[in-house]
Amino acid sequence: PVFETTLLDLPEYGSVFSGGRYDNLVDRFLGRSIPAVGSSIGIDRLLAALIALDALKLEEATSKVLITIMDRDRIADYLTILKEFRNAGVPSEIFAGDTKNLTKQIKYADKVGIPFAVIVGSDEFDNGKVTVKNLAAGKEKAKATDDREEWLKAEDIQETIDRESLISYIKEKL
């Protein structure tokens, strides 16, 4: 007998725990029958499902800055920014998922507790500018006001600055 365990609320994640008796498995390799049992846990699947169900709270991210990807052709430029942050002692990361959607990237940073997102598209690179979104301040402002217009006008939530002052700007805010 062999078993597979799936989550009733998220069957699309497939088996998260399986096992059973494997008496004939050893026989294939050694030519003799040896009683055997085994099991396995799909850690990645289980973790992803628990997060999707809000059954597991992620600890605050160690990264303080998420560098969003707006233009895949400029990946070397994004990596340069990442290296500058890390050389300055600022824990940071580049978004590794689907980069076609900025909203997904920002939601990721917000979900894992990264306080700042750096947004740089081709035009910004060409003009020496970057946009810094202060996600932590945005959360606080959202708690303090129900007025969307007032929230959007808040100066400390999003700011476009010169690229050369990016590291010092973030270090000052941290």
N, C-alpha and C. Protein backbone atom coordinates (compact mmCIF):
# COMPACT_ATOMS: atom_id res chain seq x y z
N PRO A 1 0.82 -1.20 0.00
CA PRO A 1 0.00 0.00 0.00
C PRO A 1 0.86 1.26 0.00
N VAL A 2 0.45 2.21 -0.79
CA VAL A 2 1.12 3.51 -0.90
C VAL A 2 0.05 4.58 -0.70
N PHE A 3 0.43 5.71 -0.08
CA PHE A 3 -0.54 6.77 0.13
C PHE A 3 0.03 8.11 -0.31
N GLU A 4 -0.86 9.02 -0.66
CA GLU A 4 -0.50 10.40 -0.97
C GLU A 4 -1.48 11.30 -0.24
N THR A 5 -0.96 12.38 0.32
CA THR A 5 -1.78 13.31 1.08
C THR A 5 -1.84 14.64 0.35
N THR A 6 -3.06 15.11 0.12
CA THR A 6 -3.25 16.43 -0.48
C THR A 6 -4.05 17.29 0.48
N LEU A 7 -3.98 18.59 0.31
CA LEU A 7 -4.73 19.52 1.14
C LEU A 7 -6.11 19.72 0.53
N LEU A 8 -7.15 19.49 1.30
CA LEU A 8 -8.51 19.58 0.79
C LEU A 8 -8.84 20.98 0.26
N ASP A 9 -8.31 22.01 0.92
CA ASP A 9 -8.59 23.38 0.49
C ASP A 9 -7.76 23.83 -0.71
N LEU A 10 -6.67 23.13 -0.98
CA LEU A 10 -5.79 23.51 -2.10
C LEU A 10 -5.32 22.26 -2.86
N PRO A 11 -6.21 21.55 -3.50
CA PRO A 11 -5.80 20.33 -4.20
C PRO A 11 -4.84 20.59 -5.36
N GLU A 12 -4.83 21.83 -5.87
CA GLU A 12 -3.94 22.15 -6.99
C GLU A 12 -2.46 22.09 -6.61
N TYR A 13 -2.15 22.06 -5.33
CA TYR A 13 -0.76 21.96 -4.89
C TYR A 13 -0.25 20.52 -4.96
N GLY A 14 -1.13 19.57 -5.18
CA GLY A 14 -0.72 18.18 -5.31
C GLY A 14 -0.37 17.57 -3.97
N SER A 15 0.37 16.48 -4.03
CA SER A 15 0.72 15.73 -2.83
C SER A 15 1.74 16.50 -1.98
N VAL A 16 1.44 16.62 -0.68
CA VAL A 16 2.37 17.28 0.24
C VAL A 16 3.03 16.28 1.18
N PHE A 17 2.52 15.04 1.18
CA PHE A 17 3.12 13.98 2.01
C PHE A 17 2.72 12.65 1.40
N SER A 18 3.69 11.78 1.18
CA SER A 18 3.44 10.48 0.57
C SER A 18 4.29 9.43 1.24
N GLY A 19 3.90 8.19 1.05
CA GLY A 19 4.70 7.11 1.62
C GLY A 19 4.04 5.77 1.44
N GLY A 20 4.64 4.77 2.07
CA GLY A 20 4.07 3.43 2.00
C GLY A 20 5.13 2.35 2.11
N ARG A 21 4.72 1.15 1.73
CA ARG A 21 5.63 0.00 1.74
C ARG A 21 6.25 -0.14 0.35
N TYR A 22 7.51 -0.47 0.34
CA TYR A 22 8.25 -0.61 -0.91
C TYR A 22 9.05 -1.91 -0.91
N ASP A 23 8.39 -3.01 -0.53
CA ASP A 23 9.08 -4.29 -0.38
C ASP A 23 9.77 -4.76 -1.66
N ASN A 24 9.19 -4.50 -2.80
CA ASN A 24 9.76 -5.00 -4.05
C ASN A 24 10.77 -4.04 -4.68
N LEU A 25 10.89 -2.85 -4.14
CA LEU A 25 11.80 -1.87 -4.72
C LEU A 25 13.26 -2.31 -4.58
N VAL A 26 13.65 -2.76 -3.41
CA VAL A 26 15.03 -3.19 -3.18
C VAL A 26 15.36 -4.39 -4.05
N ASP A 27 14.37 -5.27 -4.25
CA ASP A 27 14.56 -6.47 -5.08
C ASP A 27 15.02 -6.11 -6.49
N ARG A 28 14.53 -5.01 -7.02
CA ARG A 28 14.93 -4.58 -8.37
C ARG A 28 16.43 -4.31 -8.46
N PHE A 29 17.01 -3.80 -7.39
CA PHE A 29 18.41 -3.39 -7.42
C PHE A 29 19.36 -4.44 -6.86
N LEU A 30 18.91 -5.20 -5.85
CA LEU A 30 19.80 -6.16 -5.21
C LEU A 30 19.48 -7.61 -5.55
N GLY A 31 18.32 -7.84 -6.15
CA GLY A 31 17.96 -9.20 -6.51
C GLY A 31 17.43 -10.02 -5.35
N ARG A 32 17.15 -9.41 -4.24
CA ARG A 32 16.56 -10.13 -3.11
C ARG A 32 15.51 -9.24 -2.45
N SER A 33 14.53 -9.87 -1.88
CA SER A 33 13.42 -9.14 -1.26
C SER A 33 13.79 -8.69 0.15
N ILE A 34 13.63 -7.41 0.40
CA ILE A 34 13.88 -6.83 1.72
C ILE A 34 12.67 -5.97 2.07
N PRO A 35 12.03 -6.21 3.21
CA PRO A 35 10.91 -5.36 3.60
C PRO A 35 11.36 -3.90 3.75
N ALA A 36 10.56 -2.98 3.24
CA ALA A 36 10.96 -1.57 3.31
C ALA A 36 9.73 -0.67 3.38
N VAL A 37 9.89 0.44 4.08
CA VAL A 37 8.87 1.48 4.12
C VAL A 37 9.56 2.82 3.89
N GLY A 38 8.81 3.80 3.47
CA GLY A 38 9.40 5.11 3.25
C GLY A 38 8.32 6.18 3.17
N SER A 39 8.76 7.41 3.31
CA SER A 39 7.84 8.53 3.18
C SER A 39 8.61 9.77 2.76
N SER A 40 7.88 10.74 2.27
CA SER A 40 8.51 12.01 1.89
C SER A 40 7.53 13.14 2.11
N ILE A 41 8.09 14.29 2.43
CA ILE A 41 7.29 15.50 2.62
C ILE A 41 7.67 16.49 1.53
N GLY A 42 6.68 17.04 0.85
CA GLY A 42 6.92 18.07 -0.15
C GLY A 42 7.01 19.43 0.54
N ILE A 43 8.20 19.72 1.07
CA ILE A 43 8.39 20.93 1.88
C ILE A 43 7.99 22.19 1.10
N ASP A 44 8.48 22.33 -0.14
CA ASP A 44 8.17 23.53 -0.93
C ASP A 44 6.67 23.68 -1.15
N ARG A 45 6.02 22.59 -1.53
CA ARG A 45 4.58 22.64 -1.77
C ARG A 45 3.82 22.97 -0.49
N LEU A 46 4.21 22.31 0.59
CA LEU A 46 3.53 22.51 1.86
C LEU A 46 3.70 23.96 2.34
N LEU A 47 4.90 24.48 2.24
CA LEU A 47 5.16 25.86 2.65
C LEU A 47 4.35 26.84 1.81
N ALA A 48 4.36 26.65 0.49
CA ALA A 48 3.60 27.54 -0.40
C ALA A 48 2.10 27.48 -0.08
N ALA A 49 1.60 26.29 0.19
CA ALA A 49 0.18 26.14 0.52
C ALA A 49 -0.16 26.80 1.85
N LEU A 50 0.68 26.62 2.85
CA LEU A 50 0.44 27.24 4.15
C LEU A 50 0.43 28.76 4.05
N ILE A 51 1.32 29.29 3.24
CA ILE A 51 1.34 30.74 3.03
C ILE A 51 0.07 31.19 2.31
N ALA A 52 -0.34 30.44 1.28
CA ALA A 52 -1.55 30.78 0.53
C ALA A 52 -2.79 30.74 1.43
N LEU A 53 -2.80 29.86 2.40
CA LEU A 53 -3.93 29.74 3.33
C LEU A 53 -3.84 30.72 4.50
N ASP A 54 -2.79 31.53 4.52
CA ASP A 54 -2.51 32.42 5.65
C ASP A 54 -2.40 31.66 6.96
N ALA A 55 -1.95 30.43 6.87
CA ALA A 55 -1.78 29.60 8.07
C ALA A 55 -0.36 29.71 8.62
N LEU A 56 0.49 30.40 7.88
CA LEU A 56 1.87 30.57 8.29
C LEU A 56 2.26 32.02 8.09
N LYS A 57 2.71 32.66 9.13
CA LYS A 57 3.14 34.06 9.04
C LYS A 57 4.63 34.07 8.77
N LEU A 58 5.03 34.74 7.71
CA LEU A 58 6.44 34.86 7.39
C LEU A 58 7.09 35.86 8.33
N GLU A 59 8.29 35.57 8.73
CA GLU A 59 9.05 36.52 9.53
C GLU A 59 9.40 37.73 8.67
N GLU A 60 9.72 38.82 9.29
CA GLU A 60 10.10 40.01 8.55
C GLU A 60 11.32 39.71 7.68
N ALA A 61 11.31 40.23 6.50
CA ALA A 61 12.40 40.00 5.55
C ALA A 61 13.71 40.56 6.09
N THR A 62 14.79 39.91 5.71
CA THR A 62 16.09 40.47 6.06
C THR A 62 16.47 41.58 5.10
N SER A 63 15.93 41.52 3.88
CA SER A 63 16.20 42.58 2.91
C SER A 63 15.47 43.85 3.30
N LYS A 64 16.11 44.96 3.06
CA LYS A 64 15.50 46.26 3.34
C LYS A 64 15.06 46.95 2.06
N VAL A 65 15.57 46.46 0.92
CA VAL A 65 15.26 47.09 -0.37
C VAL A 65 14.99 46.00 -1.40
N LEU A 66 13.90 46.18 -2.15
CA LEU A 66 13.63 45.34 -3.31
C LEU A 66 13.87 46.19 -4.55
N ILE A 67 14.72 45.70 -5.43
CA ILE A 67 14.95 46.38 -6.70
C ILE A 67 14.02 45.73 -7.71
N THR A 68 13.03 46.49 -8.16
CA THR A 68 12.07 45.95 -9.12
C THR A 68 12.70 45.93 -10.51
N ILE A 69 12.22 45.04 -11.34
CA ILE A 69 12.72 44.91 -12.71
C ILE A 69 11.64 45.42 -13.65
N MET A 70 11.96 46.48 -14.36
CA MET A 70 11.02 47.07 -15.31
C MET A 70 11.40 46.76 -16.75
N ASP A 71 12.67 46.47 -16.98
CA ASP A 71 13.17 46.25 -18.34
C ASP A 71 14.22 45.14 -18.29
N ARG A 72 13.84 43.95 -18.73
CA ARG A 72 14.75 42.79 -18.69
C ARG A 72 16.06 43.04 -19.44
N ASP A 73 16.04 43.90 -20.43
CA ASP A 73 17.26 44.19 -21.19
C ASP A 73 18.28 44.97 -20.37
N ARG A 74 17.85 45.53 -19.24
CA ARG A 74 18.75 46.33 -18.40
C ARG A 74 19.16 45.58 -17.13
N ILE A 75 19.10 44.25 -17.16
CA ILE A 75 19.39 43.46 -15.96
C ILE A 75 20.77 43.77 -15.39
N ALA A 76 21.74 44.05 -16.24
CA ALA A 76 23.08 44.39 -15.74
C ALA A 76 23.04 45.67 -14.91
N ASP A 77 22.21 46.63 -15.32
CA ASP A 77 22.08 47.87 -14.56
C ASP A 77 21.43 47.62 -13.19
N TYR A 78 20.43 46.74 -13.17
CA TYR A 78 19.79 46.40 -11.89
C TYR A 78 20.78 45.69 -10.96
N LEU A 79 21.58 44.82 -11.53
CA LEU A 79 22.59 44.11 -10.73
C LEU A 79 23.64 45.08 -10.18
N THR A 80 23.95 46.12 -10.94
CA THR A 80 24.88 47.14 -10.45
C THR A 80 24.30 47.85 -9.23
N ILE A 81 23.01 48.18 -9.28
CA ILE A 81 22.36 48.82 -8.13
C ILE A 81 22.39 47.87 -6.94
N LEU A 82 22.08 46.61 -7.17
CA LEU A 82 22.11 45.61 -6.10
C LEU A 82 23.49 45.54 -5.46
N LYS A 83 24.51 45.51 -6.29
CA LYS A 83 25.89 45.43 -5.78
C LYS A 83 26.23 46.67 -4.94
N GLU A 84 25.80 47.84 -5.40
CA GLU A 84 26.05 49.08 -4.65
C GLU A 84 25.40 49.03 -3.27
N PHE A 85 24.15 48.57 -3.22
CA PHE A 85 23.48 48.45 -1.93
C PHE A 85 24.23 47.49 -1.01
N ARG A 86 24.58 46.35 -1.54
CA ARG A 86 25.25 45.35 -0.71
C ARG A 86 26.63 45.82 -0.27
N ASN A 87 27.35 46.50 -1.15
CA ASN A 87 28.66 47.05 -0.77
C ASN A 87 28.53 48.11 0.32
N ALA A 88 27.38 48.78 0.35
CA ALA A 88 27.13 49.81 1.36
C ALA A 88 26.54 49.20 2.65
N GLY A 89 26.40 47.88 2.66
CA GLY A 89 25.89 47.21 3.85
C GLY A 89 24.38 47.24 3.99
N VAL A 90 23.67 47.49 2.90
CA VAL A 90 22.20 47.53 2.93
C VAL A 90 21.68 46.21 2.35
N PRO A 91 21.07 45.37 3.18
CA PRO A 91 20.53 44.10 2.67
C PRO A 91 19.47 44.36 1.61
N SER A 92 19.64 43.77 0.45
CA SER A 92 18.74 44.05 -0.66
C SER A 92 18.63 42.84 -1.57
N GLU A 93 17.62 42.87 -2.43
CA GLU A 93 17.42 41.79 -3.39
C GLU A 93 16.75 42.33 -4.64
N ILE A 94 16.88 41.53 -5.71
CA ILE A 94 16.20 41.83 -6.97
C ILE A 94 15.01 40.90 -7.07
N PHE A 95 13.91 41.40 -7.59
CA PHE A 95 12.73 40.55 -7.75
C PHE A 95 13.04 39.44 -8.73
N ALA A 96 12.74 38.19 -8.32
CA ALA A 96 13.11 37.05 -9.15
C ALA A 96 11.93 36.42 -9.88
N GLY A 97 10.74 36.91 -9.65
CA GLY A 97 9.56 36.32 -10.28
C GLY A 97 9.24 36.95 -11.62
N ASP A 98 7.96 36.90 -11.99
CA ASP A 98 7.48 37.47 -13.24
C ASP A 98 7.59 38.99 -13.17
N THR A 99 8.45 39.54 -14.00
CA THR A 99 8.73 40.98 -13.92
C THR A 99 7.83 41.82 -14.82
N LYS A 100 6.85 41.21 -15.46
CA LYS A 100 5.98 41.98 -16.35
C LYS A 100 4.98 42.83 -15.59
N ASN A 101 4.82 42.54 -14.31
CA ASN A 101 3.79 43.20 -13.52
C ASN A 101 4.41 43.87 -12.30
N LEU A 102 4.49 45.19 -12.32
CA LEU A 102 5.07 45.94 -11.20
C LEU A 102 4.25 45.74 -9.93
N THR A 103 2.94 45.67 -10.06
CA THR A 103 2.09 45.48 -8.89
C THR A 103 2.45 44.20 -8.14
N LYS A 104 2.71 43.12 -8.88
CA LYS A 104 3.11 41.86 -8.24
C LYS A 104 4.42 42.03 -7.48
N GLN A 105 5.34 42.77 -8.06
CA GLN A 105 6.63 42.98 -7.42
C GLN A 105 6.47 43.76 -6.11
N ILE A 106 5.65 44.80 -6.15
CA ILE A 106 5.42 45.61 -4.96
C ILE A 106 4.67 44.79 -3.90
N LYS A 107 3.69 44.01 -4.33
CA LYS A 107 2.95 43.17 -3.39
C LYS A 107 3.88 42.16 -2.72
N TYR A 108 4.81 41.61 -3.49
CA TYR A 108 5.79 40.68 -2.91
C TYR A 108 6.58 41.36 -1.80
N ALA A 109 7.12 42.55 -2.10
CA ALA A 109 7.91 43.28 -1.11
C ALA A 109 7.07 43.57 0.13
N ASP A 110 5.85 43.99 -0.09
CA ASP A 110 4.96 44.31 1.01
C ASP A 110 4.65 43.07 1.85
N LYS A 111 4.40 41.96 1.17
CA LYS A 111 4.04 40.72 1.86
C LYS A 111 5.16 40.19 2.74
N VAL A 112 6.40 40.27 2.25
CA VAL A 112 7.51 39.72 3.03
C VAL A 112 8.15 40.77 3.95
N GLY A 113 7.62 41.99 3.94
CA GLY A 113 8.08 43.00 4.88
C GLY A 113 9.31 43.79 4.46
N ILE A 114 9.56 43.90 3.17
CA ILE A 114 10.67 44.73 2.69
C ILE A 114 10.17 46.18 2.69
N PRO A 115 10.82 47.07 3.43
CA PRO A 115 10.28 48.43 3.58
C PRO A 115 10.40 49.35 2.37
N PHE A 116 11.37 49.11 1.48
CA PHE A 116 11.57 50.02 0.34
C PHE A 116 11.61 49.25 -0.97
N ALA A 117 11.01 49.84 -2.01
CA ALA A 117 11.11 49.30 -3.36
C ALA A 117 11.73 50.38 -4.24
N VAL A 118 12.71 49.97 -5.03
CA VAL A 118 13.35 50.88 -5.98
C VAL A 118 12.78 50.56 -7.36
N ILE A 119 12.25 51.58 -8.01
CA ILE A 119 11.61 51.42 -9.31
C ILE A 119 12.40 52.23 -10.33
N VAL A 120 12.95 51.53 -11.32
CA VAL A 120 13.74 52.20 -12.36
C VAL A 120 13.42 51.57 -13.70
N GLY A 121 12.86 52.35 -14.60
CA GLY A 121 12.61 51.90 -15.96
C GLY A 121 13.68 52.46 -16.88
N SER A 122 13.56 52.18 -18.15
CA SER A 122 14.55 52.64 -19.13
C SER A 122 14.68 54.16 -19.15
N ASP A 123 13.55 54.86 -19.10
CA ASP A 123 13.60 56.33 -19.11
C ASP A 123 14.34 56.86 -17.89
N GLU A 124 14.07 56.27 -16.74
CA GLU A 124 14.75 56.71 -15.52
C GLU A 124 16.25 56.45 -15.60
N PHE A 125 16.61 55.26 -16.10
CA PHE A 125 18.04 54.97 -16.27
C PHE A 125 18.69 56.01 -17.17
N ASP A 126 18.03 56.32 -18.29
CA ASP A 126 18.58 57.28 -19.24
C ASP A 126 18.69 58.69 -18.67
N ASN A 127 17.79 59.03 -17.73
CA ASN A 127 17.77 60.37 -17.13
C ASN A 127 18.46 60.45 -15.78
N GLY A 128 19.04 59.34 -15.33
CA GLY A 128 19.74 59.33 -14.05
C GLY A 128 18.83 59.48 -12.84
N LYS A 129 17.61 58.97 -12.95
CA LYS A 129 16.62 59.08 -11.87
C LYS A 129 16.20 57.69 -11.39
N VAL A 130 15.70 57.62 -10.17
CA VAL A 130 15.08 56.41 -9.64
C VAL A 130 13.88 56.83 -8.79
N THR A 131 12.92 55.96 -8.69
CA THR A 131 11.78 56.20 -7.80
C THR A 131 11.90 55.24 -6.63
N VAL A 132 11.76 55.78 -5.44
CA VAL A 132 11.81 54.97 -4.22
C VAL A 132 10.42 54.99 -3.61
N LYS A 133 9.88 53.81 -3.40
CA LYS A 133 8.57 53.67 -2.77
C LYS A 133 8.80 53.18 -1.34
N ASN A 134 8.35 53.97 -0.38
CA ASN A 134 8.50 53.63 1.03
C ASN A 134 7.26 52.85 1.45
N LEU A 135 7.35 51.53 1.37
CA LEU A 135 6.20 50.68 1.66
C LEU A 135 5.80 50.72 3.13
N ALA A 136 6.78 50.83 4.00
CA ALA A 136 6.48 50.90 5.44
C ALA A 136 5.69 52.17 5.76
N ALA A 137 6.11 53.30 5.20
CA ALA A 137 5.39 54.56 5.42
C ALA A 137 4.00 54.50 4.80
N GLY A 138 3.91 53.85 3.64
CA GLY A 138 2.61 53.69 2.98
C GLY A 138 1.62 52.93 3.84
N LYS A 139 2.10 51.88 4.50
CA LYS A 139 1.23 51.11 5.40
C LYS A 139 0.75 51.97 6.55
N GLU A 140 1.66 52.74 7.12
CA GLU A 140 1.29 53.59 8.26
C GLU A 140 0.28 54.66 7.84
N LYS A 141 0.50 55.26 6.67
CA LYS A 141 -0.43 56.28 6.18
C LYS A 141 -1.80 55.67 5.91
N ALA A 142 -1.81 54.45 5.37
CA ALA A 142 -3.07 53.78 5.07
C ALA A 142 -3.87 53.52 6.35
N LYS A 143 -3.18 53.23 7.42
CA LYS A 143 -3.86 53.02 8.71
C LYS A 143 -4.43 54.33 9.24
N ALA A 144 -3.75 55.44 8.94
CA ALA A 144 -4.11 56.74 9.51
C ALA A 144 -5.18 57.49 8.73
N THR A 145 -5.43 57.11 7.48
CA THR A 145 -6.41 57.85 6.68
C THR A 145 -7.24 56.91 5.82
N ASP A 146 -8.48 57.30 5.59
CA ASP A 146 -9.36 56.56 4.69
C ASP A 146 -9.46 57.26 3.34
N ASP A 147 -8.86 58.45 3.23
CA ASP A 147 -8.94 59.27 2.03
C ASP A 147 -7.82 58.88 1.07
N ARG A 148 -8.18 58.24 -0.05
CA ARG A 148 -7.18 57.77 -1.02
C ARG A 148 -6.36 58.93 -1.60
N GLU A 149 -7.02 60.04 -1.89
CA GLU A 149 -6.31 61.20 -2.46
C GLU A 149 -5.26 61.73 -1.49
N GLU A 150 -5.61 61.80 -0.23
CA GLU A 150 -4.67 62.27 0.79
C GLU A 150 -3.49 61.29 0.89
N TRP A 151 -3.79 60.00 0.82
CA TRP A 151 -2.75 58.98 0.90
C TRP A 151 -1.79 59.11 -0.29
N LEU A 152 -2.36 59.31 -1.48
CA LEU A 152 -1.53 59.42 -2.68
C LEU A 152 -0.64 60.66 -2.68
N LYS A 153 -1.09 61.72 -2.02
CA LYS A 153 -0.33 62.97 -1.98
C LYS A 153 0.78 62.97 -0.94
N ALA A 154 0.77 62.01 -0.06
CA ALA A 154 1.78 61.97 1.01
C ALA A 154 3.17 61.91 0.40
N GLU A 155 4.03 62.85 0.80
CA GLU A 155 5.36 62.98 0.19
C GLU A 155 6.32 61.86 0.57
N ASP A 156 6.13 61.29 1.73
CA ASP A 156 7.10 60.30 2.19
C ASP A 156 6.81 58.89 1.70
N ILE A 157 5.79 58.72 0.87
CA ILE A 157 5.45 57.38 0.37
C ILE A 157 6.22 57.04 -0.90
N GLN A 158 6.33 57.97 -1.81
CA GLN A 158 7.03 57.71 -3.07
C GLN A 158 7.73 58.98 -3.51
N GLU A 159 8.99 58.82 -3.90
CA GLU A 159 9.77 59.99 -4.28
C GLU A 159 10.72 59.61 -5.41
N THR A 160 10.84 60.50 -6.38
CA THR A 160 11.80 60.32 -7.46
C THR A 160 13.03 61.16 -7.13
N ILE A 161 14.19 60.49 -7.16
CA ILE A 161 15.44 61.15 -6.76
C ILE A 161 16.51 60.89 -7.81
N ASP A 162 17.63 61.59 -7.67
CA ASP A 162 18.77 61.35 -8.55
C ASP A 162 19.36 59.98 -8.25
N ARG A 163 19.72 59.26 -9.27
CA ARG A 163 20.28 57.92 -9.14
C ARG A 163 21.52 57.91 -8.25
N GLU A 164 22.36 58.94 -8.38
CA GLU A 164 23.62 58.99 -7.64
C GLU A 164 23.42 59.13 -6.13
N SER A 165 22.25 59.59 -5.71
CA SER A 165 22.01 59.75 -4.27
C SER A 165 21.16 58.61 -3.68
N LEU A 166 20.91 57.57 -4.46
CA LEU A 166 20.03 56.49 -4.03
C LEU A 166 20.49 55.81 -2.74
N ILE A 167 21.74 55.41 -2.68
CA ILE A 167 22.24 54.68 -1.51
C ILE A 167 22.15 55.54 -0.26
N SER A 168 22.61 56.78 -0.36
CA SER A 168 22.58 57.65 0.83
C SER A 168 21.14 57.96 1.24
N TYR A 169 20.25 58.11 0.27
CA TYR A 169 18.84 58.36 0.57
C TYR A 169 18.24 57.21 1.38
N ILE A 170 18.47 55.99 0.92
CA ILE A 170 17.93 54.81 1.62
C ILE A 170 18.57 54.67 3.00
N LYS A 171 19.88 54.84 3.08
CA LYS A 171 20.55 54.70 4.38
C LYS A 171 20.01 55.72 5.38
N GLU A 172 19.71 56.91 4.90
CA GLU A 172 19.15 57.95 5.77
C GLU A 172 17.76 57.54 6.28
N LYS A 173 16.97 56.91 5.41
CA LYS A 173 15.60 56.52 5.77
C LYS A 173 15.58 55.30 6.70
N LEU A 174 16.61 54.47 6.58
CA LEU A 174 16.67 53.29 7.45
C LEU A 174 17.07 53.71 8.85
